[in-house]
């Protein structure tokens, strides 16, 4: 297959995906995702010694067992060579578990497992997709692509992935120009060149801008190399309907290829972000800040309740003190409160609003007198009638 002109692999890529053709060609190094004896790329399931359909509990159990066996603290009495091999195996175990314990990452790994074990999309340096511009990002979504997080190490996390994202954008740029475009400012994803992964000293604002930008990645290329029917084929079509069907089929192929490319790059971004120590540190800081805010919120709520209770007690004490002072003043002035008087006390203490005297219910008494007069008049009438009859 034709090699990509921009696909010159660095040492970090050879560390990740070189398949040993000769025994002496595979020199095992710490953190390399290759079998120490054979130099072959190792499957995550083989590293943990679990079947591909193993559930989460089985994977967790296998990881614990393997990690305990190869943990550096368990091999302090071994030779230096054995300790080095155990440390390398321990890194593979951790990387395998980190991948298989994440449902999304495990699903992606299952879909691309065969291609990964072959060393790339087509088992070689190029992407195997017919394009000379798309940078093959798949090899960099596998453990062992980097070695540590030292800013000065050319094989460190920051060095490797800064190069990967720069090459990915460069491929977009070269492809855009090859399609007849002159002004690169017209690229729909030109903003990708404005952000960088940085290093361990980068501030969080720049780091966040980088991930937000690349998580929204979309290719500016036409993916015309995916066409089934070329221009000559379409021109030689027997009728217009056939030409239209050919064009529609080409559009579908381009759209599908573009979608696959976007998914591959997004998977890379997710892979890198998950392993970025700066993101982990920021997440932990956010959790600590959130917990601190929650503690402060609860403390303020408790203090607010205490303040409300104290205010109520203060108000009650003030009201009782004011009432006592008023009662003392009333007693000194010879005044009495009506509430302190006996309800059966008939004494008139004066005042227009004093107690009403007995017998002052004029309305009810008047009504009673009227009824009595009517009864008396009726009795007199009856007696008069009786007298007339006797007469």
Protein backbone atom coordinates (compact mmCIF):
# COMPACT_ATOMS: atom_id res chain seq x y z
CA UNK A 1 0.00 0.00 0.00
CA UNK A 2 1.07 3.63 -0.55
CA UNK A 3 2.68 5.25 2.47
CA UNK A 4 1.39 8.55 3.75
CA UNK A 5 3.89 11.33 3.14
CA UNK A 6 3.10 12.80 6.56
CA UNK A 7 2.96 9.48 8.36
CA UNK A 8 6.59 9.35 9.46
CA UNK A 9 6.34 7.62 12.80
CA UNK A 10 8.36 8.77 15.77
CA UNK A 11 10.13 6.44 18.15
CA UNK A 12 7.05 6.48 20.36
CA UNK A 13 4.98 4.83 17.63
CA UNK A 14 7.58 2.13 17.05
CA UNK A 15 7.46 1.52 20.79
CA UNK A 16 3.74 1.09 20.61
CA UNK A 17 3.17 -0.97 17.49
CA UNK A 18 6.32 -2.53 16.15
CA UNK A 19 5.75 -6.23 15.48
CA UNK A 20 8.99 -8.10 15.91
CA UNK A 21 10.06 -9.77 12.67
CA UNK A 22 13.34 -10.90 14.19
CA UNK A 23 13.99 -11.81 17.82
CA UNK A 24 16.71 -9.19 18.18
CA UNK A 25 14.48 -6.47 16.70
CA UNK A 26 12.18 -6.51 19.71
CA UNK A 27 14.06 -5.04 22.62
CA UNK A 28 11.56 -4.95 25.48
CA UNK A 29 11.30 -1.60 27.20
CA UNK A 30 9.40 -0.56 30.25
CA UNK A 31 5.77 0.22 29.46
CA UNK A 32 5.76 -1.23 25.95
CA UNK A 33 2.44 -2.99 25.14
CA UNK A 34 4.29 -5.97 23.67
CA UNK A 35 4.86 -9.44 24.95
CA UNK A 36 8.29 -9.45 26.59
CA UNK A 37 9.26 -12.76 25.02
CA UNK A 38 7.65 -12.61 21.57
CA UNK A 39 7.54 -8.88 20.89
CA UNK A 40 3.94 -9.14 19.66
CA UNK A 41 1.20 -6.62 20.45
CA UNK A 42 -0.81 -8.05 23.31
CA UNK A 43 -4.56 -8.09 23.63
CA UNK A 44 -6.06 -6.55 26.76
CA UNK A 45 -8.07 -9.70 27.40
CA UNK A 46 -4.92 -11.82 27.19
CA UNK A 47 -3.11 -9.52 29.61
CA UNK A 48 -5.84 -10.02 32.23
CA UNK A 49 -6.38 -13.65 31.19
CA UNK A 50 -10.15 -13.30 30.77
CA UNK A 51 -12.47 -14.24 27.89
CA UNK A 52 -13.78 -11.50 25.61
CA UNK A 53 -17.31 -11.89 26.97
CA UNK A 54 -16.22 -11.55 30.61
CA UNK A 55 -18.43 -9.33 32.74
CA UNK A 56 -17.27 -6.38 34.84
CA UNK A 57 -16.98 -8.46 38.03
CA UNK A 58 -14.75 -11.07 36.36
CA UNK A 59 -12.52 -8.36 34.86
CA UNK A 60 -12.19 -6.63 38.23
CA UNK A 61 -11.30 -9.90 39.96
CA UNK A 62 -8.73 -10.82 37.30
CA UNK A 63 -7.16 -7.38 37.50
CA UNK A 64 -6.81 -7.57 41.27
CA UNK A 65 -5.20 -10.99 41.06
CA UNK A 66 -2.74 -10.00 38.32
CA UNK A 67 -1.92 -6.65 39.91
CA UNK A 68 -1.08 -8.27 43.23
CA UNK A 69 1.20 -10.77 41.50
CA UNK A 70 3.17 -8.15 39.57
CA UNK A 71 3.01 -5.17 41.93
CA UNK A 72 6.49 -3.66 42.50
CA UNK A 73 6.11 -4.03 46.27
CA UNK A 74 5.67 -7.78 45.85
CA UNK A 75 8.86 -8.23 43.83
CA UNK A 76 11.48 -6.42 45.88
CA UNK A 77 13.40 -9.66 46.48
CA UNK A 78 13.68 -10.54 42.80
CA UNK A 79 16.57 -9.79 40.49
CA UNK A 80 16.80 -6.46 38.69
CA UNK A 81 15.77 -8.07 35.39
CA UNK A 82 12.76 -9.74 36.98
CA UNK A 83 11.75 -6.52 38.67
CA UNK A 84 11.94 -4.69 35.35
CA UNK A 85 9.79 -7.31 33.63
CA UNK A 86 7.26 -7.28 36.48
CA UNK A 87 7.06 -3.49 36.36
CA UNK A 88 6.44 -3.60 32.60
CA UNK A 89 3.77 -6.27 33.07
CA UNK A 90 2.17 -4.27 35.85
CA UNK A 91 1.82 -1.27 33.51
CA UNK A 92 0.14 -3.46 30.91
CA UNK A 93 -2.23 -4.83 33.54
CA UNK A 94 -3.19 -1.34 34.67
CA UNK A 95 -3.68 -0.15 31.08
CA UNK A 96 -5.77 -3.20 30.18
CA UNK A 97 -8.03 -2.74 33.19
CA UNK A 98 -8.38 0.98 32.57
CA UNK A 99 -9.66 0.21 29.08
CA UNK A 100 -11.88 -2.80 29.80
CA UNK A 101 -13.44 -1.29 32.94
CA UNK A 102 -14.81 1.63 30.91
CA UNK A 103 -17.89 0.45 28.91
CA UNK A 104 -17.43 3.06 26.18
CA UNK A 105 -13.72 2.45 25.76
CA UNK A 106 -14.19 -1.30 25.91
CA UNK A 107 -16.81 -1.16 23.18
CA UNK A 108 -14.47 0.85 20.96
CA UNK A 109 -11.63 -1.58 21.65
CA UNK A 110 -13.82 -4.58 20.78
CA UNK A 111 -14.78 -3.00 17.45
CA UNK A 112 -11.15 -2.20 16.51
CA UNK A 113 -9.34 -5.02 18.28
CA UNK A 114 -8.23 -6.89 15.16
CA UNK A 115 -6.89 -3.75 13.50
CA UNK A 116 -5.07 -2.75 16.69
CA UNK A 117 -3.40 -6.13 16.96
CA UNK A 118 -2.28 -5.79 13.34
CA UNK A 119 -0.61 -2.49 14.22
CA UNK A 120 -3.00 0.02 12.65
CA UNK A 121 -5.93 0.36 10.29
CA UNK A 122 -4.18 -1.70 7.63
CA UNK A 123 -1.38 -3.25 9.63
CA UNK A 124 1.13 -0.70 8.40
CA UNK A 125 2.17 2.91 8.54
CA UNK A 126 -0.59 4.26 6.36
CA UNK A 127 -4.21 4.36 7.35
CA UNK A 128 -5.35 1.97 4.65
CA UNK A 129 -8.18 4.30 3.72
CA UNK A 130 -6.88 5.48 0.34
CA UNK A 131 -6.12 8.99 1.54
CA UNK A 132 -2.62 10.45 1.69
CA UNK A 133 -3.74 13.11 4.15
CA UNK A 134 -5.59 11.46 7.03
CA UNK A 135 -3.22 10.86 9.89
CA UNK A 136 -3.76 7.42 11.41
CA UNK A 137 -4.73 8.11 15.02
CA UNK A 138 -5.73 4.57 15.94
CA UNK A 139 -2.27 3.39 17.10
CA UNK A 140 -2.31 6.16 19.68
CA UNK A 141 -5.40 4.84 21.39
CA UNK A 142 -3.57 1.96 22.94
CA UNK A 143 -1.39 1.61 26.01
CA UNK A 144 2.33 2.10 25.60
CA UNK A 145 2.24 5.00 23.16
CA UNK A 146 3.98 7.19 25.71
CA UNK A 147 6.32 6.79 28.61
CA UNK A 148 5.57 8.91 31.66
CA UNK A 149 4.76 12.61 31.93
CA UNK A 150 8.18 14.25 31.91
CA UNK A 151 8.04 17.45 29.85
CA UNK A 152 11.61 16.98 28.64
CA UNK A 153 11.18 13.37 27.54
CA UNK A 154 10.48 13.09 23.76
CA UNK A 155 8.46 9.93 24.45
CA UNK A 156 6.36 11.40 27.25
CA UNK A 157 2.61 11.85 27.20
CA UNK A 158 2.82 15.54 26.26
CA UNK A 159 5.47 15.11 23.56
CA UNK A 160 3.72 12.21 21.84
CA UNK A 161 0.20 13.64 21.81
CA UNK A 162 1.25 17.18 20.94
CA UNK A 163 2.77 15.62 17.83
CA UNK A 164 -0.31 13.52 17.11
CA UNK A 165 -2.73 16.45 17.18
CA UNK A 166 -0.37 18.66 15.19
CA UNK A 167 -0.03 15.97 12.50
CA UNK A 168 -3.80 15.44 12.47
CA UNK A 169 -4.39 19.12 11.75
CA UNK A 170 -1.54 19.21 9.24
CA UNK A 171 -3.24 16.39 7.34
CA UNK A 172 -6.45 18.42 7.23
CA UNK A 173 -4.55 21.44 6.00
CA UNK A 174 -2.68 19.53 3.26
CA UNK A 175 -5.87 17.84 2.10
CA UNK A 176 -7.73 21.16 1.99
CA UNK A 177 -5.03 22.68 -0.23
CA UNK A 178 -4.89 19.60 -2.47
CA UNK A 179 -8.59 20.02 -3.21
CA UNK A 180 -7.86 23.32 -4.95
CA UNK A 181 -8.32 25.70 -2.02
CA UNK A 182 -5.78 28.49 -1.63
CA UNK A 183 -6.81 30.43 1.46
CA UNK A 184 -6.44 28.14 4.48
CA UNK A 185 -8.44 30.64 6.54
CA UNK A 186 -11.42 29.21 4.73
CA UNK A 187 -10.99 25.87 6.49
CA UNK A 188 -14.02 25.06 8.62
CA UNK A 189 -11.74 23.71 11.35
CA UNK A 190 -8.95 26.30 11.17
CA UNK A 191 -9.54 26.99 14.88
CA UNK A 192 -7.86 23.64 15.67
CA UNK A 193 -4.51 25.31 15.02
CA UNK A 194 -5.15 27.86 17.76
CA UNK A 195 -5.14 25.40 20.65
CA UNK A 196 -2.39 23.12 21.94
CA UNK A 197 -2.19 20.25 24.40
CA UNK A 198 0.65 21.98 26.24
CA UNK A 199 2.57 20.39 29.08
CA UNK A 200 2.44 19.95 32.84
CA UNK A 201 2.86 23.71 33.39
CA UNK A 202 -0.08 24.79 31.19
CA UNK A 203 -2.90 26.64 32.90
CA UNK A 204 -6.32 25.06 33.14
CA UNK A 205 -7.98 27.63 30.88
CA UNK A 206 -5.78 26.64 27.93
CA UNK A 207 -6.18 22.93 28.69
CA UNK A 208 -9.95 23.25 28.79
CA UNK A 209 -9.95 25.24 25.54
CA UNK A 210 -7.90 22.51 23.85
CA UNK A 211 -10.25 19.67 24.82
CA UNK A 212 -13.41 21.65 24.12
CA UNK A 213 -12.13 22.52 20.65
CA UNK A 214 -11.03 19.02 19.68
CA UNK A 215 -14.16 17.41 21.13
CA UNK A 216 -16.06 19.42 18.52
CA UNK A 217 -13.77 18.23 15.69
CA UNK A 218 -15.14 17.83 12.20
CA UNK A 219 -13.13 17.29 9.03
CA UNK A 220 -13.00 19.93 6.32
CA UNK A 221 -12.06 17.39 3.63
CA UNK A 222 -14.43 16.20 0.93
CA UNK A 223 -13.45 12.50 1.19
CA UNK A 224 -13.71 12.29 -2.60
CA UNK A 225 -11.33 9.32 -2.61
CA UNK A 226 -14.22 7.26 -1.24
CA UNK A 227 -16.23 7.68 -4.44
CA UNK A 228 -17.30 4.46 -6.09
CA UNK A 229 -18.06 6.15 -9.39
CA UNK A 230 -15.53 8.55 -10.85
CA UNK A 231 -16.31 11.53 -13.03
CA UNK A 232 -15.81 9.58 -16.26
CA UNK A 233 -18.20 6.88 -15.06
CA UNK A 234 -20.88 9.45 -14.30
CA UNK A 235 -20.44 11.16 -17.66
CA UNK A 236 -20.80 7.86 -19.49
CA UNK A 237 -24.00 6.95 -17.65
CA UNK A 238 -26.84 6.10 -20.08
CA UNK A 239 -29.34 8.58 -18.65
CA UNK A 240 -29.86 11.32 -16.09
CA UNK A 241 -31.48 9.07 -13.53
CA UNK A 242 -28.50 6.74 -13.51
CA UNK A 243 -26.11 9.66 -13.11
CA UNK A 244 -28.13 10.92 -10.16
CA UNK A 245 -28.05 7.51 -8.50
CA UNK A 246 -24.28 7.35 -8.96
CA UNK A 247 -23.86 10.77 -7.39
CA UNK A 248 -26.10 9.84 -4.46
CA UNK A 249 -24.09 6.68 -3.86
CA UNK A 250 -20.87 8.71 -3.84
CA UNK A 251 -22.38 11.15 -1.34
CA UNK A 252 -23.31 8.30 0.98
CA UNK A 253 -19.80 6.89 0.84
CA UNK A 254 -18.25 10.28 1.57
CA UNK A 255 -20.62 10.95 4.44
CA UNK A 256 -19.96 7.54 6.01
CA UNK A 257 -16.19 7.96 5.70
CA UNK A 258 -16.33 11.44 7.21
CA UNK A 259 -18.42 10.16 10.10
CA UNK A 260 -15.92 7.36 10.76
CA UNK A 261 -13.07 9.85 10.74
CA UNK A 262 -14.81 12.13 13.23
CA UNK A 263 -15.52 9.18 15.52
CA UNK A 264 -11.87 8.05 15.37
CA UNK A 265 -10.56 11.49 16.29
CA UNK A 266 -13.15 11.93 19.03
CA UNK A 267 -12.16 8.54 20.45
CA UNK A 268 -8.56 9.72 20.49
CA UNK A 269 -9.52 12.90 22.33
CA UNK A 270 -11.52 10.92 24.89
CA UNK A 271 -8.63 8.48 25.31
CA UNK A 272 -6.08 11.27 25.89
CA UNK A 273 -8.35 13.31 28.16
CA UNK A 274 -9.04 10.33 30.39
CA UNK A 275 -5.29 9.80 30.93
CA UNK A 276 -4.31 13.45 31.22
CA UNK A 277 -3.00 13.96 34.79
CA UNK A 278 -3.95 17.63 34.64
CA UNK A 279 -7.58 16.73 33.97
CA UNK A 280 -7.52 14.22 36.81
CA UNK A 281 -6.03 16.83 39.15
CA UNK A 282 -8.63 19.41 38.14
CA UNK A 283 -11.43 16.89 38.62
CA UNK A 284 -10.15 16.05 42.09
CA UNK A 285 -9.83 19.75 42.89
CA UNK A 286 -13.39 20.34 41.72
CA UNK A 287 -14.61 17.50 43.93
CA UNK A 288 -12.74 18.92 46.90
CA UNK A 289 -14.14 22.38 46.24
CA UNK A 290 -17.62 20.95 45.90
CA UNK A 291 -17.28 19.05 49.15
CA UNK A 292 -15.94 22.16 50.88
CA UNK A 293 -18.87 24.20 49.56
CA UNK A 294 -21.30 21.54 50.77
CA UNK A 295 -19.72 21.58 54.23
CA UNK A 296 -19.88 25.37 54.29
CA UNK A 297 -23.50 25.32 53.12
CA UNK A 298 -24.47 22.93 55.91
CA UNK A 299 -22.54 24.98 58.45
CA UNK A 300 -24.31 28.15 57.33
CA UNK A 301 -27.69 26.38 57.52
CA UNK A 302 -26.99 25.26 61.08
CA UNK A 303 -25.77 28.73 62.05
CA UNK A 304 -28.84 30.30 60.44
CA UNK A 305 -31.11 28.11 62.54
CA UNK A 306 -29.17 29.04 65.65
CA UNK A 307 -29.43 32.72 64.78
CA UNK A 308 -33.19 32.42 64.26
CA UNK A 309 -33.66 30.65 67.61
CA UNK A 310 -31.46 33.21 69.35
CA UNK A 311 -33.46 36.05 67.78
CA UNK A 312 -36.72 34.47 68.92
CA UNK A 313 -35.42 34.06 72.46
CA UNK A 314 -34.17 37.62 72.50
CA UNK A 315 -37.53 38.89 71.25
CA UNK A 316 -39.40 36.84 73.86
CA UNK A 317 -37.16 38.07 76.65
CA UNK A 318 -37.55 41.66 75.47
CA UNK A 319 -41.35 41.29 75.31
CA UNK A 320 -41.48 39.82 78.81
CA UNK A 321 -39.24 42.58 80.15
CA UNK A 322 -41.36 45.28 78.52
CA UNK A 323 -44.54 43.72 79.93
CA UNK A 324 -43.08 43.56 83.41
CA UNK A 325 -42.04 47.19 83.24
CA UNK A 326 -45.50 48.21 82.07
CA UNK A 327 -47.19 46.28 84.90
CA UNK A 328 -44.92 47.95 87.42
CA UNK A 329 -45.72 51.36 85.98
CA UNK A 330 -49.47 50.61 86.08
CA UNK A 331 -49.30 49.52 89.71
CA UNK A 332 -47.35 52.60 90.66
CA UNK A 333 -49.94 54.77 88.91
CA UNK A 334 -52.89 52.94 90.51
CA UNK A 335 -54.16 51.57 87.23
CA UNK A 336 -55.47 48.07 86.70
CA UNK A 337 -55.86 46.10 83.58
CA UNK A 338 -59.35 44.90 82.74
CA UNK A 339 -57.94 41.43 82.21
CA UNK A 340 -56.95 41.36 85.89
CA UNK A 341 -60.50 42.02 87.12
CA UNK A 342 -63.01 39.39 88.23
CA UNK A 343 -65.78 38.84 85.70
CA UNK A 344 -68.37 38.88 88.53
CA UNK A 345 -67.20 42.24 89.90
CA UNK A 346 -70.12 44.71 89.45
CA UNK A 347 -68.22 47.74 90.64
CA UNK A 348 -68.19 50.60 88.17
CA UNK A 349 -64.66 51.80 87.83
CA UNK A 350 -65.71 54.62 85.56
CA UNK A 351 -64.76 55.40 82.06
CA UNK A 352 -66.91 55.47 78.96
CA UNK A 353 -65.68 52.08 78.00
CA UNK A 354 -66.24 50.55 81.39
CA UNK A 355 -68.38 47.58 82.25
CA UNK A 356 -72.05 47.90 81.28
CA UNK A 357 -74.58 48.15 84.10
CA UNK A 358 -77.20 45.56 84.64
CA UNK A 359 -80.62 46.17 83.10
CA UNK A 360 -79.40 48.24 80.21
CA UNK A 361 -80.49 45.78 77.53
CA UNK A 362 -83.17 48.10 76.22
CA UNK A 363 -83.84 46.26 73.04
CA UNK A 364 -84.67 42.91 74.58
CA UNK A 365 -86.72 44.46 77.46
CA UNK A 366 -88.81 46.56 75.11
CA UNK A 367 -89.59 43.57 72.96
CA UNK A 368 -90.65 41.61 76.06
CA UNK A 369 -93.02 44.43 77.19
CA UNK A 370 -94.68 44.59 73.76
CA UNK A 371 -95.37 40.86 73.79
CA UNK A 372 -96.81 41.11 77.32
CA UNK A 373 -99.12 44.02 76.37
CA UNK A 374 -100.45 42.04 73.42
CA UNK A 375 -101.27 39.12 75.72
CA UNK A 376 -103.05 41.44 78.18
CA UNK A 377 -105.12 43.08 75.41
CA UNK A 378 -106.17 39.66 74.15
CA UNK A 379 -107.29 38.61 77.64
CA UNK A 380 -109.34 41.78 78.02
CA UNK A 381 -111.02 41.18 74.67
CA UNK A 382 -111.96 37.64 75.63
CA UNK A 383 -113.50 38.80 78.91
CA UNK A 384 -115.50 41.49 77.12
CA UNK A 385 -116.90 38.97 74.66
CA UNK A 386 -117.92 36.67 77.51
CA UNK A 387 -119.72 39.54 79.22
CA UNK A 388 -121.68 40.37 76.10
CA UNK A 389 -122.78 36.76 75.72
CA UNK A 390 -124.01 36.59 79.32
CA UNK A 391 -125.85 39.81 78.94
